[in-house]
Amino acid sequence: MANSTRTDHDLPGYALLIAAEPPVRHPLAVTAQLPPLAALPPARLVGTRQASAVQLANPDDPQTVLTCLRTAAATEGHLLVHAAGHLVVDTRQHRLHLALARTTARTVRYTALPWHWLTAELRHRPPGSTTVVADLAADTGVWQALVRREQALDGPYALYGAVQLEDRRHRPAPAYTRAFAHILRTVSVTPPAHVLHEQAVGAAAADVDDDATLWLGGVAPAGSVEQRPLDIPAPRTAPAAPAAPLVSVVPASAAPPAAAPAFADPHRAISEASRAGRHAEAAAIAAACEQNALRGHGATSPEVAHWIEVRAFLAFAEGAFDRACELWMRGAVTRLMAEQPESDPAVAEAVDRAHHAWHRVTEPGRVRELGTELLSLRTRVTGKNGAREDVRQRLAKLAEALSH
């Protein structure tokens, strides 16, 4: 048993690097990017004092990959899994798979790695100890299923990376992995995962088609698709999946918050409490900061809106999607009342996040209640790609279902 006084940074880390190119006409050239990653000192790759790394270049047997995954999942310290290649779906169960070296459309179930195997192997690891970095390509059907949230790569880990659309017009390149490796080669200290992701997105954006790239788990370039359906704008900075620890609770475009007197750095206190699973404590700190901002700046101020949005992040991280949706809408309304225009990125981001969270709500009464409010808000902040129509369609389908 590990000494309880040791931190994750003190424990040896582990990296598992998987890259495969199936026999398709235009494979994502990921195996060429594996050597630069594997050449990095493993400790820098993982962000710990000591680490080891294993690379699987063009594996052709899912059982072999599974064995390596189990070994990686059993390690005690921080784990980085880098998965690169093509995402495919089997025709029988319609589940996501990572294509391997022998995978064809007809052999997905036998020659590709089911993504749910990866999720299952990592499920029992300590919260906050696992990072998955994905650099993937997908055909139109799979890509649209991902952006519509009909399929998901979420799991018990912090997820970062990109999924690029591959069709007749789009020929993806492994720009994200290239940028990820370059940044790690040029820094002396590995930055936090969300910071590294931001930097990688910024560096990779020039080499990918923004409209055909789904950014996973972090800040996306303006105008790009980031965990959004084709007709549903979603967060410009994706919140952490409910099962994963909250990495950052500060929206990038938020106005500078008012500092709460009890904390020199309230954002850090909130992040640390959330990361440790002390969600009630994190929410209490955010609520106290909101009250402080209320006293200092008034009810209709960007500062108050900021802390409402932080509370929304926390609610989303807990899996309370209805509360997150409600809070993000409240944040957007507060910003509008503070005379921030509908076109302000912070306003649009708050409404987009509310929209994203609303699609995770399943209780019919709450879907209808929140959807009605969201539809009203979408008359002012219309969003992109038919966002308002998406709300109308979901409400109409719900009404039809309830009438039967």
Protein backbone atom coordinates (compact mmCIF):
# COMPACT_ATOMS: atom_id res chain seq x y z
CA MET A 1 0.00 0.00 0.00
CA ALA A 2 1.33 3.43 -0.93
CA ASN A 3 2.29 5.86 1.83
CA SER A 4 -0.69 8.16 2.30
CA THR A 5 1.60 11.22 2.45
CA ARG A 6 2.84 10.70 -1.09
CA THR A 7 1.27 12.81 -3.81
CA ASP A 8 0.40 11.74 -7.34
CA HIS A 9 3.47 13.65 -8.50
CA ASP A 10 5.70 11.55 -6.22
CA LEU A 11 4.35 8.25 -7.55
CA PRO A 12 5.86 6.79 -10.73
CA GLY A 13 3.78 7.62 -13.79
CA TYR A 14 2.97 5.50 -16.82
CA ALA A 15 2.20 6.28 -20.46
CA LEU A 16 0.57 3.94 -22.94
CA LEU A 17 0.85 5.20 -26.53
CA ILE A 18 -1.41 3.54 -29.10
CA ALA A 19 -1.45 4.48 -32.78
CA ALA A 20 -2.87 2.45 -35.63
CA GLU A 21 -3.52 2.96 -39.33
CA PRO A 22 -6.11 0.59 -40.83
CA PRO A 23 -5.95 -0.41 -44.51
CA VAL A 24 -8.01 2.48 -45.86
CA ARG A 25 -7.34 4.77 -48.81
CA HIS A 26 -6.44 7.83 -46.74
CA PRO A 27 -5.33 6.70 -43.28
CA LEU A 28 -4.64 9.27 -40.57
CA ALA A 29 -0.84 9.20 -40.51
CA VAL A 30 -0.56 8.70 -36.75
CA THR A 31 2.14 6.05 -36.52
CA ALA A 32 4.70 8.53 -37.87
CA GLN A 33 3.90 10.75 -34.89
CA LEU A 34 4.41 8.02 -32.32
CA PRO A 35 8.26 8.03 -32.31
CA PRO A 36 8.46 11.77 -31.42
CA LEU A 37 6.12 11.11 -28.50
CA ALA A 38 7.94 7.97 -27.40
CA ALA A 39 11.28 9.79 -27.63
CA LEU A 40 10.23 12.23 -24.93
CA PRO A 41 11.37 11.49 -21.39
CA PRO A 42 8.43 9.52 -19.96
CA ALA A 43 8.40 11.71 -16.84
CA ARG A 44 7.85 14.80 -18.99
CA LEU A 45 5.21 13.02 -21.03
CA VAL A 46 3.22 12.04 -17.94
CA GLY A 47 4.09 15.03 -15.75
CA THR A 48 5.57 13.09 -12.82
CA ARG A 49 9.08 12.79 -11.37
CA GLN A 50 9.51 9.27 -12.67
CA ALA A 51 7.61 7.40 -15.35
CA SER A 52 7.78 4.62 -17.90
CA ALA A 53 6.20 4.42 -21.33
CA VAL A 54 5.02 1.66 -23.66
CA GLN A 55 4.21 2.26 -27.30
CA LEU A 56 2.01 0.14 -29.55
CA ALA A 57 2.65 1.10 -33.16
CA ASN A 58 0.12 -0.39 -35.58
CA PRO A 59 -1.12 -3.20 -33.30
CA ASP A 60 -3.34 -5.68 -35.13
CA ASP A 61 -4.82 -7.67 -32.25
CA PRO A 62 -7.35 -6.10 -29.85
CA GLN A 63 -6.52 -8.68 -27.17
CA THR A 64 -2.89 -7.56 -27.17
CA VAL A 65 -3.96 -3.96 -26.71
CA LEU A 66 -6.34 -5.03 -23.94
CA THR A 67 -3.51 -6.77 -22.09
CA CYS A 68 -1.42 -3.59 -22.27
CA LEU A 69 -4.38 -1.54 -21.10
CA ARG A 70 -4.82 -3.78 -18.07
CA THR A 71 -1.16 -3.43 -17.19
CA ALA A 72 -1.39 0.34 -17.54
CA ALA A 73 -4.61 0.54 -15.51
CA ALA A 74 -2.98 -1.37 -12.65
CA THR A 75 -0.24 1.22 -12.18
CA GLU A 76 -0.41 3.29 -9.02
CA GLY A 77 0.57 6.77 -10.19
CA HIS A 78 -0.75 9.02 -12.92
CA LEU A 79 -1.59 7.34 -16.21
CA LEU A 80 -1.58 8.87 -19.67
CA VAL A 81 -3.22 6.93 -22.49
CA HIS A 82 -2.68 8.33 -25.97
CA ALA A 83 -5.00 6.79 -28.56
CA ALA A 84 -4.62 7.81 -32.20
CA GLY A 85 -6.19 6.53 -35.39
CA HIS A 86 -9.64 5.96 -36.85
CA LEU A 87 -12.90 5.67 -34.95
CA VAL A 88 -15.32 3.14 -36.39
CA VAL A 89 -18.63 1.61 -35.31
CA ASP A 90 -19.59 -2.06 -35.53
CA THR A 91 -22.78 -2.66 -37.49
CA ARG A 92 -24.36 -5.02 -34.96
CA GLN A 93 -24.10 -3.25 -31.60
CA HIS A 94 -23.28 0.22 -32.96
CA ARG A 95 -20.43 0.72 -30.48
CA LEU A 96 -17.34 2.85 -31.01
CA HIS A 97 -14.06 1.08 -31.75
CA LEU A 98 -10.52 2.21 -32.41
CA ALA A 99 -9.53 0.65 -35.73
CA LEU A 100 -6.31 -1.38 -35.64
CA ALA A 101 -3.90 -2.39 -38.37
CA ARG A 102 -6.14 -5.13 -39.87
CA THR A 103 -9.52 -3.49 -39.34
CA THR A 104 -11.89 -3.28 -42.31
CA ALA A 105 -15.54 -2.29 -42.44
CA ARG A 106 -16.57 -5.95 -42.23
CA THR A 107 -14.19 -6.99 -39.44
CA VAL A 108 -14.67 -4.21 -36.89
CA ARG A 109 -16.03 -6.55 -34.19
CA TYR A 110 -13.05 -8.88 -34.46
CA THR A 111 -10.07 -6.69 -35.33
CA ALA A 112 -10.73 -3.30 -33.69
CA LEU A 113 -10.46 -2.22 -30.06
CA PRO A 114 -13.87 -1.50 -28.48
CA TRP A 115 -13.72 1.90 -26.83
CA HIS A 116 -15.80 0.57 -23.94
CA TRP A 117 -12.95 -1.85 -23.14
CA LEU A 118 -10.74 1.15 -22.48
CA THR A 119 -13.43 2.75 -20.33
CA ALA A 120 -13.99 -0.46 -18.36
CA GLU A 121 -10.28 -1.00 -17.64
CA LEU A 122 -9.84 2.56 -16.36
CA ARG A 123 -13.01 2.59 -14.26
CA HIS A 124 -11.39 1.42 -11.03
CA ARG A 125 -8.50 3.87 -11.01
CA PRO A 126 -8.45 6.66 -8.39
CA PRO A 127 -10.32 9.82 -9.45
CA GLY A 128 -8.04 12.34 -11.08
CA SER A 129 -5.27 9.85 -11.86
CA THR A 130 -6.00 9.19 -15.53
CA THR A 131 -5.72 11.30 -18.67
CA VAL A 132 -6.74 10.14 -22.15
CA VAL A 133 -5.44 12.07 -25.15
CA ALA A 134 -7.15 11.18 -28.41
CA ASP A 135 -6.21 12.19 -31.94
CA LEU A 136 -8.81 10.57 -34.16
CA ALA A 137 -10.50 10.61 -37.54
CA ALA A 138 -14.03 9.41 -38.30
CA ASP A 139 -16.31 9.14 -41.30
CA THR A 140 -19.42 11.28 -41.63
CA GLY A 141 -21.79 8.95 -39.79
CA VAL A 142 -19.51 8.38 -36.82
CA TRP A 143 -18.43 12.02 -36.62
CA GLN A 144 -21.99 13.32 -36.65
CA ALA A 145 -22.99 10.77 -34.00
CA LEU A 146 -20.21 12.14 -31.79
CA VAL A 147 -21.07 15.79 -32.23
CA ARG A 148 -24.77 15.04 -31.68
CA ARG A 149 -23.83 13.16 -28.50
CA GLU A 150 -25.47 10.00 -29.84
CA GLN A 151 -22.04 8.46 -29.25
CA ALA A 152 -19.50 9.56 -26.65
CA LEU A 153 -15.84 9.05 -25.76
CA ASP A 154 -16.42 10.14 -22.17
CA GLY A 155 -15.25 7.93 -19.35
CA PRO A 156 -13.62 7.87 -15.91
CA TYR A 157 -10.77 10.06 -17.08
CA ALA A 158 -9.92 13.56 -18.19
CA LEU A 159 -10.31 13.56 -21.98
CA TYR A 160 -8.45 15.85 -24.38
CA GLY A 161 -7.75 15.86 -28.08
CA ALA A 162 -9.58 16.07 -31.39
CA VAL A 163 -11.76 14.07 -33.76
CA GLN A 164 -11.59 15.15 -37.40
CA LEU A 165 -14.16 14.46 -40.07
CA GLU A 166 -12.89 12.37 -42.96
CA ASP A 167 -14.84 12.44 -46.22
CA ARG A 168 -14.30 13.36 -49.85
CA ARG A 169 -13.53 16.97 -48.99
CA HIS A 170 -11.61 16.48 -45.74
CA ARG A 171 -8.28 14.69 -45.40
CA PRO A 172 -7.35 14.83 -41.72
CA ALA A 173 -3.78 15.14 -40.48
CA PRO A 174 -2.48 14.29 -36.97
CA ALA A 175 -1.94 17.97 -36.17
CA TYR A 176 -2.98 17.62 -32.55
CA THR A 177 -0.43 14.90 -31.75
CA ARG A 178 2.25 16.83 -33.61
CA ALA A 179 1.53 19.96 -31.58
CA PHE A 180 1.25 18.00 -28.33
CA ALA A 181 4.70 16.44 -28.83
CA HIS A 182 6.29 19.70 -29.96
CA ILE A 183 5.10 21.56 -26.87
CA LEU A 184 6.44 18.87 -24.55
CA ARG A 185 9.80 18.94 -26.34
CA THR A 186 10.14 22.67 -25.79
CA VAL A 187 9.10 23.03 -22.14
CA SER A 188 11.18 22.27 -19.07
CA VAL A 189 8.18 21.48 -16.86
CA THR A 190 5.08 19.69 -18.10
CA PRO A 191 2.11 22.08 -17.82
CA PRO A 192 -1.23 20.95 -16.35
CA ALA A 193 -3.23 18.82 -18.77
CA HIS A 194 -5.84 21.49 -19.55
CA VAL A 195 -3.12 24.11 -20.22
CA LEU A 196 -1.20 21.71 -22.45
CA HIS A 197 -4.43 20.99 -24.32
CA GLU A 198 -5.13 24.70 -24.83
CA GLN A 199 -1.66 25.18 -26.26
CA ALA A 200 -1.97 22.12 -28.50
CA VAL A 201 -5.31 23.30 -29.85
CA GLY A 202 -3.86 26.71 -30.60
CA ALA A 203 -0.89 25.20 -32.42
CA ALA A 204 -2.93 22.59 -34.31
CA ALA A 205 -5.75 24.89 -35.39
CA ALA A 206 -3.86 26.24 -38.42
CA ASP A 207 -3.46 22.72 -39.84
CA VAL A 208 -7.02 21.44 -39.51
CA ASP A 209 -10.43 22.41 -40.82
CA ASP A 210 -12.16 24.04 -37.84
CA ASP A 211 -15.64 23.25 -39.17
CA ALA A 212 -14.74 19.57 -39.42
CA THR A 213 -12.92 19.19 -36.09
CA LEU A 214 -14.49 18.15 -32.81
CA TRP A 215 -12.27 19.36 -29.98
CA LEU A 216 -12.40 17.19 -26.89
CA GLY A 217 -12.21 18.57 -23.39
CA GLY A 218 -10.88 22.07 -23.81
CA VAL A 219 -10.83 25.46 -25.44
CA ALA A 220 -11.59 25.33 -29.13
CA PRO A 221 -10.67 27.97 -31.69
CA ALA A 222 -13.46 30.44 -32.38
CA GLY A 223 -15.96 29.09 -34.88
CA SER A 224 -14.91 25.47 -34.52
CA VAL A 225 -17.00 22.50 -33.51
CA GLU A 226 -16.24 21.42 -29.96
CA GLN A 227 -18.42 18.73 -28.45
CA ARG A 228 -21.42 20.18 -30.24
CA PRO A 229 -24.07 18.68 -32.51
CA LEU A 230 -24.07 20.07 -36.02
CA ASP A 231 -27.12 22.14 -35.08
CA ILE A 232 -26.42 22.52 -31.37
CA PRO A 233 -23.68 24.91 -30.32
CA ALA A 234 -21.91 23.66 -27.21
CA PRO A 235 -19.34 25.01 -24.79
CA ARG A 236 -16.34 26.75 -26.25
CA THR A 237 -14.56 25.27 -23.20
CA ALA A 238 -15.99 21.84 -22.50
CA PRO A 239 -16.77 21.04 -18.87
CA ALA A 240 -15.31 17.91 -17.38
CA ALA A 241 -17.31 14.72 -17.73
CA PRO A 242 -19.28 13.93 -14.57
CA ALA A 243 -17.14 10.90 -13.74
CA ALA A 244 -13.88 12.81 -14.10
CA PRO A 245 -12.40 15.39 -11.73
CA LEU A 246 -12.92 19.05 -12.42
CA VAL A 247 -9.71 20.37 -13.91
CA SER A 248 -10.68 24.00 -14.24
CA VAL A 249 -13.79 25.88 -13.29
CA VAL A 250 -12.92 29.19 -14.91
CA PRO A 251 -14.47 30.00 -18.31
CA ALA A 252 -11.76 31.44 -20.54
CA SER A 253 -13.87 34.38 -21.68
CA ALA A 254 -15.28 35.28 -18.27
CA ALA A 255 -14.80 38.72 -16.82
CA PRO A 256 -12.27 39.00 -13.97
CA PRO A 257 -14.05 37.79 -10.86
CA ALA A 258 -14.28 39.56 -7.54
CA ALA A 259 -12.06 37.90 -4.96
CA ALA A 260 -13.68 36.46 -1.86
CA PRO A 261 -12.01 37.73 1.32
CA ALA A 262 -11.62 34.23 2.80
CA PHE A 263 -9.45 32.95 -0.07
CA ALA A 264 -6.33 34.38 -1.62
CA ASP A 265 -7.15 32.35 -4.74
CA PRO A 266 -10.78 31.18 -4.66
CA HIS A 267 -10.56 29.51 -8.07
CA ARG A 268 -7.73 27.32 -6.87
CA ALA A 269 -9.62 26.50 -3.65
CA ILE A 270 -12.69 25.53 -5.67
CA SER A 271 -10.69 23.40 -8.11
CA GLU A 272 -8.84 21.60 -5.32
CA ALA A 273 -12.05 20.88 -3.41
CA SER A 274 -13.79 19.61 -6.53
CA ARG A 275 -10.80 17.52 -7.57
CA ALA A 276 -10.84 15.89 -4.14
CA GLY A 277 -14.54 15.08 -4.47
CA ARG A 278 -15.61 17.71 -1.92
CA HIS A 279 -18.34 19.06 -4.18
CA ALA A 280 -20.40 20.67 -1.42
CA GLU A 281 -17.34 22.59 -0.22
CA ALA A 282 -16.52 23.74 -3.75
CA ALA A 283 -20.11 24.88 -4.29
CA ALA A 284 -20.10 26.72 -0.95
CA ILE A 285 -16.93 28.63 -1.87
CA ALA A 286 -18.41 29.60 -5.24
CA ALA A 287 -21.65 30.71 -3.58
CA ALA A 288 -19.70 32.83 -1.08
CA CYS A 289 -17.76 34.42 -3.94
CA GLU A 290 -21.04 35.15 -5.73
CA GLN A 291 -22.39 36.88 -2.63
CA ASN A 292 -19.20 38.90 -2.34
CA ALA A 293 -19.49 39.95 -5.98
CA LEU A 294 -23.16 40.78 -5.41
CA ARG A 295 -22.26 43.16 -2.59
CA GLY A 296 -19.35 44.71 -4.47
CA HIS A 297 -20.78 45.01 -7.98
CA GLY A 298 -24.53 44.56 -7.88
CA ALA A 299 -26.90 41.82 -9.00
CA THR A 300 -26.59 42.59 -12.72
CA SER A 301 -22.84 42.56 -13.19
CA PRO A 302 -20.37 40.42 -15.15
CA GLU A 303 -18.65 39.59 -11.86
CA VAL A 304 -21.81 37.99 -10.44
CA ALA A 305 -22.43 36.23 -13.77
CA HIS A 306 -18.93 34.76 -13.58
CA TRP A 307 -19.57 33.07 -10.23
CA ILE A 308 -22.96 31.80 -11.33
CA GLU A 309 -21.17 30.15 -14.27
CA VAL A 310 -18.55 28.66 -11.95
CA ARG A 311 -21.40 27.09 -9.99
CA ALA A 312 -22.73 25.75 -13.27
CA PHE A 313 -19.37 24.11 -13.99
CA LEU A 314 -19.52 22.42 -10.61
CA ALA A 315 -23.08 21.22 -11.15
CA PHE A 316 -22.13 19.75 -14.52
CA ALA A 317 -19.11 18.02 -13.03
CA GLU A 318 -21.40 16.40 -10.44
CA GLY A 319 -23.76 15.20 -13.16
CA ALA A 320 -26.53 17.62 -12.13
CA PHE A 321 -27.20 18.64 -15.72
CA ASP A 322 -30.55 20.32 -15.06
CA ARG A 323 -29.04 22.57 -12.40
CA ALA A 324 -26.05 23.31 -14.65
CA CYS A 325 -28.38 24.27 -17.49
CA GLU A 326 -30.42 26.49 -15.20
CA LEU A 327 -27.33 28.23 -13.81
CA TRP A 328 -25.75 28.84 -17.22
CA MET A 329 -29.00 30.39 -18.43
CA ARG A 330 -29.06 32.56 -15.31
CA GLY A 331 -25.49 33.60 -16.02
CA ALA A 332 -26.38 34.53 -19.59
CA VAL A 333 -29.41 36.56 -18.47
CA THR A 334 -27.29 38.34 -15.85
CA ARG A 335 -24.76 39.30 -18.51
CA LEU A 336 -27.51 40.58 -20.80
CA MET A 337 -28.96 42.64 -17.95
CA ALA A 338 -25.45 44.00 -17.37
CA GLU A 339 -25.72 45.36 -20.94
CA GLN A 340 -23.33 42.88 -22.48
CA PRO A 341 -24.55 42.48 -26.08
CA GLU A 342 -26.00 39.23 -27.44
CA SER A 343 -22.90 38.92 -29.62
CA ASP A 344 -20.52 39.04 -26.65
CA PRO A 345 -18.51 35.76 -26.57
CA ALA A 346 -19.16 35.35 -22.84
CA VAL A 347 -22.93 35.60 -23.38
CA ALA A 348 -22.87 33.19 -26.31
CA GLU A 349 -20.70 30.76 -24.35
CA ALA A 350 -23.08 30.73 -21.39
CA VAL A 351 -26.10 30.01 -23.61
CA ASP A 352 -24.20 27.37 -25.58
CA ARG A 353 -23.20 25.65 -22.36
CA ALA A 354 -26.78 25.74 -21.13
CA HIS A 355 -27.87 24.20 -24.44
CA HIS A 356 -25.21 21.49 -24.14
CA ALA A 357 -26.26 20.67 -20.56
CA TRP A 358 -29.95 20.65 -21.52
CA HIS A 359 -29.30 17.83 -23.96
CA ARG A 360 -27.98 15.77 -21.04
CA VAL A 361 -31.21 16.23 -19.03
CA THR A 362 -33.51 13.20 -19.33
CA GLU A 363 -36.43 13.82 -16.93
CA PRO A 364 -39.31 14.91 -19.21
CA GLY A 365 -40.70 17.58 -16.87
CA ARG A 366 -37.30 19.26 -16.49
CA VAL A 367 -36.56 18.93 -20.21
CA ARG A 368 -39.78 20.79 -20.98
CA GLU A 369 -39.35 23.40 -18.24
CA LEU A 370 -35.73 24.22 -19.07
CA GLY A 371 -36.29 23.89 -22.82
CA THR A 372 -39.07 26.48 -22.74
CA GLU A 373 -36.76 28.94 -21.00
CA LEU A 374 -33.90 28.09 -23.36
CA LEU A 375 -36.11 28.63 -26.40
CA SER A 376 -36.98 32.09 -25.11
CA LEU A 377 -33.30 32.85 -24.55
CA ARG A 378 -32.48 31.60 -28.05
CA THR A 379 -34.67 34.36 -29.50
CA ARG A 380 -31.97 36.80 -28.37
CA VAL A 381 -28.85 34.62 -28.54
CA THR A 382 -29.67 32.57 -31.59
CA GLY A 383 -26.45 30.60 -31.82
CA LYS A 384 -25.21 28.86 -34.95
CA ASN A 385 -26.35 26.05 -37.22
CA GLY A 386 -30.01 25.98 -36.28
CA ALA A 387 -29.63 26.02 -32.50
CA ARG A 388 -33.07 27.53 -31.90
CA GLU A 389 -34.70 25.04 -34.23
CA ASP A 390 -32.99 22.22 -32.35
CA VAL A 391 -34.71 23.32 -29.13
CA ARG A 392 -38.06 23.51 -30.89
CA GLN A 393 -37.65 20.05 -32.39
CA ARG A 394 -36.74 18.42 -29.09
CA LEU A 395 -39.65 20.09 -27.31
CA ALA A 396 -42.00 19.01 -30.11
CA LYS A 397 -40.82 15.40 -29.90
CA LEU A 398 -41.24 15.46 -26.14
CA ALA A 399 -44.78 16.82 -26.43
CA GLU A 400 -45.62 14.13 -28.97
CA ALA A 401 -44.20 11.39 -26.74
CA LEU A 402 -46.12 12.64 -23.71
CA SER A 403 -49.38 12.77 -25.65
CA HIS A 404 -49.32 9.02 -26.35
